[in-house]
Amino acid sequence: MKLNYFTKRLSTVGRWLATTLFCVSAIAFVWQGAFFSNTAAMASPAANLIAAADAGDQVKEKYRDDVAEPSKNFIEDTKNKVKEAANKNASRVDQSTDDSDVAGKAKRDRDRIEKRADEDAARTKEAVDDAKNVVERTIDSIKGAFSD
């Protein structure tokens, strides 16, 4: 019984010593790193600001080229495919029936589908433009925060 109590206490003391040694070594490494830092690089923060401004412009251009324009192209392609499908369906109905009521309804449906495709594409393009403007404003505000 005494041996078990003794080993439990020894284990607790060992854990405390290991934790203390770890903390002291971490403090020593952090302290030593402060002496090895390059203080010459901190003397001129303007170079960092110029690099940040260039990075902001690069992010804007990359977003515009990789996200906004391909999204708009995709929206336009989708709109054209919807219109093609509507025209194809209307022409199939027109060819298959002699009934003018059914053909007229198919043409009205085609016109409505084309109109909605145009409206949806315009709304979606506007949303893409809004998102692009939000990204650009955010980048400008970040650049402004670093330039002050």
Foldseek 3Di string as FASTA:
>chain_A
DVVVVVVVVVVVVVVVVVVVVVVVVVVVVVVVVVVVDDVVVVVDCVVVLVVLVVVLVVVLVCCVVPPLVVVLVVLVVVLVVQLVVLVVVLVVQVVVDPDVVSSVVSVVVSVVSNVVSVVVSVVVNVVSVVVSVVSSVVSVVVSVVVVD
